[in-house]
Amino acid sequence: MIEIEKGSGNIYADLGIPDAEQMWVKAQLVTKIGELIKERSWTRQEATKILGMTQPELSKVLRGQFRGVNKAKLLL
């Protein structure tokens, strides 16, 4: 039988990741950035200009690779 546990709402904390709160905040910001890009029909070039990132940086962030990215850089 499979046992299911209710999570805390922060997957990073549930997995015991050291900077769990920061990672959760970054994940929320990245989710919002992705939504804004879609809602506003921004091209990658427009999004990178607005966000002050390079296209490779934006691609990594949108794929969830944001551990080394400063939270301030994710704020619009």
PDB file of N, CA and C in Angstrom:
ATOM      1  N   MET A   1       0.835  -1.182   0.000  1.00  0.00           N
ATOM      2  CA  MET A   1       0.000   0.000   0.000  1.00  0.00           C
ATOM      3  C   MET A   1       0.884   1.252   0.000  1.00  0.00           C
ATOM      4  N   ILE A   2       0.503   2.245  -0.769  1.00  0.00           N
ATOM      5  CA  ILE A   2       1.247   3.495  -0.854  1.00  0.00           C
ATOM      6  C   ILE A   2       0.756   4.452   0.223  1.00  0.00           C
ATOM      7  N   GLU A   3       1.720   5.042   0.933  1.00  0.00           N
ATOM      8  CA  GLU A   3       1.388   6.004   1.975  1.00  0.00           C
ATOM      9  C   GLU A   3       1.564   7.415   1.421  1.00  0.00           C
ATOM     10  N   ILE A   4       0.589   8.268   1.632  1.00  0.00           N
ATOM     11  CA  ILE A   4       0.632   9.640   1.137  1.00  0.00           C
ATOM     12  C   ILE A   4       0.690  10.588   2.326  1.00  0.00           C
ATOM     13  N   GLU A   5       1.656  11.503   2.264  1.00  0.00           N
ATOM     14  CA  GLU A   5       1.791  12.511   3.314  1.00  0.00           C
ATOM     15  C   GLU A   5       1.390  13.867   2.766  1.00  0.00           C
ATOM     16  N   LYS A   6       0.745  14.659   3.593  1.00  0.00           N
ATOM     17  CA  LYS A   6       0.398  16.023   3.202  1.00  0.00           C
ATOM     18  C   LYS A   6       1.649  16.885   3.310  1.00  0.00           C
ATOM     19  N   GLY A   7       1.935  17.646   2.256  1.00  0.00           N
ATOM     20  CA  GLY A   7       3.113  18.509   2.236  1.00  0.00           C
ATOM     21  C   GLY A   7       2.877  19.804   2.995  1.00  0.00           C
ATOM     22  N   SER A   8       3.951  20.527   3.187  1.00  0.00           N
ATOM     23  CA  SER A   8       3.887  21.793   3.915  1.00  0.00           C
ATOM     24  C   SER A   8       3.463  22.954   3.025  1.00  0.00           C
ATOM     25  N   GLY A   9       3.461  22.725   1.706  1.00  0.00           N
ATOM     26  CA  GLY A   9       3.202  23.809   0.768  1.00  0.00           C
ATOM     27  C   GLY A   9       4.496  24.348   0.179  1.00  0.00           C
ATOM     28  N   ASN A  10       5.616  23.923   0.733  1.00  0.00           N
ATOM     29  CA  ASN A  10       6.931  24.312   0.220  1.00  0.00           C
ATOM     30  C   ASN A  10       7.702  23.026  -0.065  1.00  0.00           C
ATOM     31  N   ILE A  11       7.711  22.624  -1.319  1.00  0.00           N
ATOM     32  CA  ILE A  11       8.359  21.370  -1.704  1.00  0.00           C
ATOM     33  C   ILE A  11       9.834  21.361  -1.339  1.00  0.00           C
ATOM     34  N   TYR A  12      10.469  22.526  -1.405  1.00  0.00           N
ATOM     35  CA  TYR A  12      11.892  22.608  -1.078  1.00  0.00           C
ATOM     36  C   TYR A  12      12.128  22.291   0.396  1.00  0.00           C
ATOM     37  N   ALA A  13      11.261  22.785   1.268  1.00  0.00           N
ATOM     38  CA  ALA A  13      11.366  22.483   2.701  1.00  0.00           C
ATOM     39  C   ALA A  13      11.077  21.008   2.942  1.00  0.00           C
ATOM     40  N   ASP A  14      10.062  20.490   2.251  1.00  0.00           N
ATOM     41  CA  ASP A  14       9.712  19.081   2.408  1.00  0.00           C
ATOM     42  C   ASP A  14      10.870  18.168   2.015  1.00  0.00           C
ATOM     43  N   LEU A  15      11.677  18.613   1.046  1.00  0.00           N
ATOM     44  CA  LEU A  15      12.823  17.823   0.590  1.00  0.00           C
ATOM     45  C   LEU A  15      14.085  18.096   1.404  1.00  0.00           C
ATOM     46  N   GLY A  16      13.998  19.028   2.357  1.00  0.00           N
ATOM     47  CA  GLY A  16      15.133  19.325   3.221  1.00  0.00           C
ATOM     48  C   GLY A  16      16.214  20.170   2.572  1.00  0.00           C
ATOM     49  N   ILE A  17      15.852  20.936   1.562  1.00  0.00           N
ATOM     50  CA  ILE A  17      16.817  21.801   0.882  1.00  0.00           C
ATOM     51  C   ILE A  17      17.158  22.965   1.809  1.00  0.00           C
ATOM     52  N   PRO A  18      18.464  23.265   1.973  1.00  0.00           N
ATOM     53  CA  PRO A  18      18.902  24.271   2.953  1.00  0.00           C
ATOM     54  C   PRO A  18      18.266  25.654   2.815  1.00  0.00           C
ATOM     55  N   ASP A  19      18.189  26.195   1.624  1.00  0.00           N
ATOM     56  CA  ASP A  19      17.621  27.540   1.437  1.00  0.00           C
ATOM     57  C   ASP A  19      16.195  27.449   0.893  1.00  0.00           C
ATOM     58  N   ALA A  20      15.405  26.610   1.534  1.00  0.00           N
ATOM     59  CA  ALA A  20      14.066  26.277   1.056  1.00  0.00           C
ATOM     60  C   ALA A  20      13.159  27.488   0.876  1.00  0.00           C
ATOM     61  N   GLU A  21      13.169  28.396   1.825  1.00  0.00           N
ATOM     62  CA  GLU A  21      12.274  29.558   1.739  1.00  0.00           C
ATOM     63  C   GLU A  21      12.642  30.434   0.546  1.00  0.00           C
ATOM     64  N   GLN A  22      13.934  30.679   0.353  1.00  0.00           N
ATOM     65  CA  GLN A  22      14.372  31.482  -0.794  1.00  0.00           C
ATOM     66  C   GLN A  22      14.020  30.799  -2.112  1.00  0.00           C
ATOM     67  N   MET A  23      14.212  29.500  -2.172  1.00  0.00           N
ATOM     68  CA  MET A  23      13.898  28.762  -3.399  1.00  0.00           C
ATOM     69  C   MET A  23      12.402  28.825  -3.693  1.00  0.00           C
ATOM     70  N   TRP A  24      11.574  28.722  -2.653  1.00  0.00           N
ATOM     71  CA  TRP A  24      10.123  28.781  -2.838  1.00  0.00           C
ATOM     72  C   TRP A  24       9.715  30.157  -3.365  1.00  0.00           C
ATOM     73  N   VAL A  25      10.293  31.218  -2.790  1.00  0.00           N
ATOM     74  CA  VAL A  25       9.990  32.583  -3.241  1.00  0.00           C
ATOM     75  C   VAL A  25      10.404  32.748  -4.700  1.00  0.00           C
ATOM     76  N   LYS A  26      11.601  32.286  -5.040  1.00  0.00           N
ATOM     77  CA  LYS A  26      12.064  32.377  -6.426  1.00  0.00           C
ATOM     78  C   LYS A  26      11.141  31.607  -7.365  1.00  0.00           C
ATOM     79  N   ALA A  27      10.707  30.432  -6.949  1.00  0.00           N
ATOM     80  CA  ALA A  27       9.804  29.634  -7.788  1.00  0.00           C
ATOM     81  C   ALA A  27       8.499  30.383  -8.041  1.00  0.00           C
ATOM     82  N   GLN A  28       7.986  31.048  -7.010  1.00  0.00           N
ATOM     83  CA  GLN A  28       6.756  31.825  -7.175  1.00  0.00           C
ATOM     84  C   GLN A  28       6.973  32.991  -8.135  1.00  0.00           C
ATOM     85  N   LEU A  29       8.107  33.671  -8.007  1.00  0.00           N
ATOM     86  CA  LEU A  29       8.425  34.792  -8.897  1.00  0.00           C
ATOM     87  C   LEU A  29       8.576  34.320 -10.343  1.00  0.00           C
ATOM     88  N   VAL A  30       9.264  33.206 -10.531  1.00  0.00           N
ATOM     89  CA  VAL A  30       9.464  32.669 -11.883  1.00  0.00           C
ATOM     90  C   VAL A  30       8.129  32.262 -12.498  1.00  0.00           C
ATOM     91  N   THR A  31       7.251  31.679 -11.703  1.00  0.00           N
ATOM     92  CA  THR A  31       5.922  31.316 -12.198  1.00  0.00           C
ATOM     93  C   THR A  31       5.193  32.558 -12.680  1.00  0.00           C
ATOM     94  N   LYS A  32       5.245  33.616 -11.896  1.00  0.00           N
ATOM     95  CA  LYS A  32       4.582  34.872 -12.272  1.00  0.00           C
ATOM     96  C   LYS A  32       5.209  35.471 -13.529  1.00  0.00           C
ATOM     97  N   ILE A  33       6.529  35.424 -13.638  1.00  0.00           N
ATOM     98  CA  ILE A  33       7.204  35.931 -14.836  1.00  0.00           C
ATOM     99  C   ILE A  33       6.728  35.171 -16.071  1.00  0.00           C
ATOM    100  N   GLY A  34       6.661  33.857 -15.976  1.00  0.00           N
ATOM    101  CA  GLY A  34       6.177  33.047 -17.093  1.00  0.00           C
ATOM    102  C   GLY A  34       4.753  33.408 -17.485  1.00  0.00           C
ATOM    103  N   GLU A  35       3.902  33.638 -16.475  1.00  0.00           N
ATOM    104  CA  GLU A  35       2.512  34.032 -16.739  1.00  0.00           C
ATOM    105  C   GLU A  35       2.453  35.391 -17.433  1.00  0.00           C
ATOM    106  N   LEU A  36       3.262  36.340 -16.959  1.00  0.00           N
ATOM    107  CA  LEU A  36       3.280  37.677 -17.565  1.00  0.00           C
ATOM    108  C   LEU A  36       3.752  37.632 -19.017  1.00  0.00           C
ATOM    109  N   ILE A  37       4.759  36.830 -19.279  1.00  0.00           N
ATOM    110  CA  ILE A  37       5.267  36.704 -20.649  1.00  0.00           C
ATOM    111  C   ILE A  37       4.151  36.211 -21.566  1.00  0.00           C
ATOM    112  N   LYS A  38       3.391  35.220 -21.102  1.00  0.00           N
ATOM    113  CA  LYS A  38       2.273  34.694 -21.905  1.00  0.00           C
ATOM    114  C   LYS A  38       1.145  35.710 -22.033  1.00  0.00           C
ATOM    115  N   GLU A  39       0.720  36.284 -20.896  1.00  0.00           N
ATOM    116  CA  GLU A  39      -0.403  37.230 -20.893  1.00  0.00           C
ATOM    117  C   GLU A  39      -0.141  38.438 -21.787  1.00  0.00           C
ATOM    118  N   ARG A  40       1.077  38.911 -21.771  1.00  0.00           N
ATOM    119  CA  ARG A  40       1.417  40.122 -22.529  1.00  0.00           C
ATOM    120  C   ARG A  40       1.982  39.816 -23.911  1.00  0.00           C
ATOM    121  N   SER A  41       2.031  38.535 -24.231  1.00  0.00           N
ATOM    122  CA  SER A  41       2.532  38.075 -25.534  1.00  0.00           C
ATOM    123  C   SER A  41       3.915  38.639 -25.856  1.00  0.00           C
ATOM    124  N   TRP A  42       4.776  38.663 -24.843  1.00  0.00           N
ATOM    125  CA  TRP A  42       6.134  39.146 -25.046  1.00  0.00           C
ATOM    126  C   TRP A  42       6.945  38.102 -25.796  1.00  0.00           C
ATOM    127  N   THR A  43       7.801  38.563 -26.686  1.00  0.00           N
ATOM    128  CA  THR A  43       8.787  37.668 -27.278  1.00  0.00           C
ATOM    129  C   THR A  43       9.885  37.482 -26.236  1.00  0.00           C
ATOM    130  N   ARG A  44      10.751  36.507 -26.449  1.00  0.00           N
ATOM    131  CA  ARG A  44      11.866  36.314 -25.513  1.00  0.00           C
ATOM    132  C   ARG A  44      12.747  37.562 -25.493  1.00  0.00           C
ATOM    133  N   GLN A  45      12.920  38.165 -26.662  1.00  0.00           N
ATOM    134  CA  GLN A  45      13.755  39.364 -26.754  1.00  0.00           C
ATOM    135  C   GLN A  45      13.150  40.510 -25.933  1.00  0.00           C
ATOM    136  N   GLU A  46      11.828  40.697 -26.027  1.00  0.00           N
ATOM    137  CA  GLU A  46      11.163  41.742 -25.238  1.00  0.00           C
ATOM    138  C   GLU A  46      11.288  41.448 -23.748  1.00  0.00           C
ATOM    139  N   ALA A  47      11.053  40.194 -23.380  1.00  0.00           N
ATOM    140  CA  ALA A  47      11.108  39.804 -21.969  1.00  0.00           C
ATOM    141  C   ALA A  47      12.501  40.014 -21.390  1.00  0.00           C
ATOM    142  N   THR A  48      13.524  39.653 -22.141  1.00  0.00           N
ATOM    143  CA  THR A  48      14.886  39.812 -21.620  1.00  0.00           C
ATOM    144  C   THR A  48      15.244  41.285 -21.454  1.00  0.00           C
ATOM    145  N   LYS A  49      14.772  42.111 -22.363  1.00  0.00           N
ATOM    146  CA  LYS A  49      15.043  43.546 -22.263  1.00  0.00           C
ATOM    147  C   LYS A  49      14.347  44.129 -21.026  1.00  0.00           C
ATOM    148  N   ILE A  50      13.094  43.768 -20.822  1.00  0.00           N
ATOM    149  CA  ILE A  50      12.312  44.266 -19.687  1.00  0.00           C
ATOM    150  C   ILE A  50      12.892  43.763 -18.361  1.00  0.00           C
ATOM    151  N   LEU A  51      13.309  42.497 -18.336  1.00  0.00           N
ATOM    152  CA  LEU A  51      13.810  41.885 -17.106  1.00  0.00           C
ATOM    153  C   LEU A  51      15.297  42.127 -16.863  1.00  0.00           C
ATOM    154  N   GLY A  52      15.985  42.642 -17.869  1.00  0.00           N
ATOM    155  CA  GLY A  52      17.419  42.880 -17.710  1.00  0.00           C
ATOM    156  C   GLY A  52      18.228  41.604 -17.633  1.00  0.00           C
ATOM    157  N   MET A  53      17.796  40.586 -18.382  1.00  0.00           N
ATOM    158  CA  MET A  53      18.496  39.302 -18.417  1.00  0.00           C
ATOM    159  C   MET A  53      18.910  39.003 -19.849  1.00  0.00           C
ATOM    160  N   THR A  54      19.851  38.092 -19.972  1.00  0.00           N
ATOM    161  CA  THR A  54      20.182  37.603 -21.303  1.00  0.00           C
ATOM    162  C   THR A  54      19.177  36.511 -21.660  1.00  0.00           C
ATOM    163  N   GLN A  55      19.091  36.161 -22.934  1.00  0.00           N
ATOM    164  CA  GLN A  55      18.171  35.093 -23.325  1.00  0.00           C
ATOM    165  C   GLN A  55      18.539  33.757 -22.683  1.00  0.00           C
ATOM    166  N   PRO A  56      19.844  33.396 -22.618  1.00  0.00           N
ATOM    167  CA  PRO A  56      20.174  32.144 -21.926  1.00  0.00           C
ATOM    168  C   PRO A  56      19.781  32.160 -20.444  1.00  0.00           C
ATOM    169  N   GLU A  57      19.965  33.307 -19.774  1.00  0.00           N
ATOM    170  CA  GLU A  57      19.565  33.412 -18.356  1.00  0.00           C
ATOM    171  C   GLU A  57      18.065  33.212 -18.208  1.00  0.00           C
ATOM    172  N   LEU A  58      17.283  33.875 -19.051  1.00  0.00           N
ATOM    173  CA  LEU A  58      15.829  33.753 -18.970  1.00  0.00           C
ATOM    174  C   LEU A  58      15.394  32.322 -19.235  1.00  0.00           C
ATOM    175  N   SER A  59      15.981  31.688 -20.228  1.00  0.00           N
ATOM    176  CA  SER A  59      15.633  30.297 -20.540  1.00  0.00           C
ATOM    177  C   SER A  59      15.901  29.387 -19.350  1.00  0.00           C
ATOM    178  N   LYS A  60      17.066  29.547 -18.721  1.00  0.00           N
ATOM    179  CA  LYS A  60      17.397  28.729 -17.549  1.00  0.00           C
ATOM    180  C   LYS A  60      16.397  28.963 -16.419  1.00  0.00           C
ATOM    181  N   VAL A  61      16.107  30.230 -16.150  1.00  0.00           N
ATOM    182  CA  VAL A  61      15.183  30.579 -15.067  1.00  0.00           C
ATOM    183  C   VAL A  61      13.813  29.958 -15.318  1.00  0.00           C
ATOM    184  N   LEU A  62      13.311  30.076 -16.540  1.00  0.00           N
ATOM    185  CA  LEU A  62      11.984  29.542 -16.852  1.00  0.00           C
ATOM    186  C   LEU A  62      11.952  28.015 -16.818  1.00  0.00           C
ATOM    187  N   ARG A  63      13.121  27.378 -16.911  1.00  0.00           N
ATOM    188  CA  ARG A  63      13.208  25.917 -16.790  1.00  0.00           C
ATOM    189  C   ARG A  63      13.423  25.486 -15.339  1.00  0.00           C
ATOM    190  N   GLY A  64      13.431  26.462 -14.423  1.00  0.00           N
ATOM    191  CA  GLY A  64      13.570  26.130 -13.007  1.00  0.00           C
ATOM    192  C   GLY A  64      14.993  26.125 -12.496  1.00  0.00           C
ATOM    193  N   GLN A  65      15.927  26.586 -13.296  1.00  0.00           N
ATOM    194  CA  GLN A  65      17.329  26.629 -12.874  1.00  0.00           C
ATOM    195  C   GLN A  65      17.642  28.038 -12.379  1.00  0.00           C
ATOM    196  N   PHE A  66      17.188  28.337 -11.160  1.00  0.00           N
ATOM    197  CA  PHE A  66      17.324  29.697 -10.646  1.00  0.00           C
ATOM    198  C   PHE A  66      18.049  29.775  -9.306  1.00  0.00           C
ATOM    199  N   ARG A  67      18.725  28.723  -8.911  1.00  0.00           N
ATOM    200  CA  ARG A  67      19.406  28.714  -7.608  1.00  0.00           C
ATOM    201  C   ARG A  67      20.391  29.878  -7.488  1.00  0.00           C
ATOM    202  N   GLY A  68      21.191  30.172  -8.497  1.00  0.00           N
ATOM    203  CA  GLY A  68      22.195  31.226  -8.405  1.00  0.00           C
ATOM    204  C   GLY A  68      21.698  32.611  -8.783  1.00  0.00           C
ATOM    205  N   VAL A  69      20.412  32.731  -9.085  1.00  0.00           N
ATOM    206  CA  VAL A  69      19.857  34.015  -9.520  1.00  0.00           C
ATOM    207  C   VAL A  69      19.397  34.811  -8.301  1.00  0.00           C
ATOM    208  N   ASN A  70      19.772  36.065  -8.260  1.00  0.00           N
ATOM    209  CA  ASN A  70      19.384  36.958  -7.174  1.00  0.00           C
ATOM    210  C   ASN A  70      17.876  37.228  -7.255  1.00  0.00           C
ATOM    211  N   LYS A  71      17.189  37.178  -6.106  1.00  0.00           N
ATOM    212  CA  LYS A  71      15.743  37.448  -6.083  1.00  0.00           C
ATOM    213  C   LYS A  71      15.417  38.807  -6.670  1.00  0.00           C
ATOM    214  N   ALA A  72      16.257  39.789  -6.412  1.00  0.00           N
ATOM    215  CA  ALA A  72      16.003  41.146  -6.908  1.00  0.00           C
ATOM    216  C   ALA A  72      15.941  41.169  -8.431  1.00  0.00           C
ATOM    217  N   LYS A  73      16.694  40.312  -9.077  1.00  0.00           N
ATOM    218  CA  LYS A  73      16.702  40.259 -10.538  1.00  0.00           C
ATOM    219  C   LYS A  73      15.375  39.709 -11.071  1.00  0.00           C
ATOM    220  N   LEU A  74      14.662  38.959 -10.252  1.00  0.00           N
ATOM    221  CA  LEU A  74      13.388  38.367 -10.666  1.00  0.00           C
ATOM    222  C   LEU A  74      12.203  39.300 -10.439  1.00  0.00           C
ATOM    223  N   LEU A  75      12.420  40.374  -9.704  1.00  0.00           N
ATOM    224  CA  LEU A  75      11.334  41.315  -9.428  1.00  0.00           C
ATOM    225  C   LEU A  75      11.167  42.272 -10.592  1.00  0.00           C
ATOM    226  N   LEU A  76       9.934  42.491 -10.979  1.00  0.00           N
ATOM    227  CA  LEU A  76       9.664  43.416 -12.089  1.00  0.00           C
ATOM    228  C   LEU A  76       9.558  44.827 -11.575  1.00  0.00           C
TER     229      LEU A  76
END
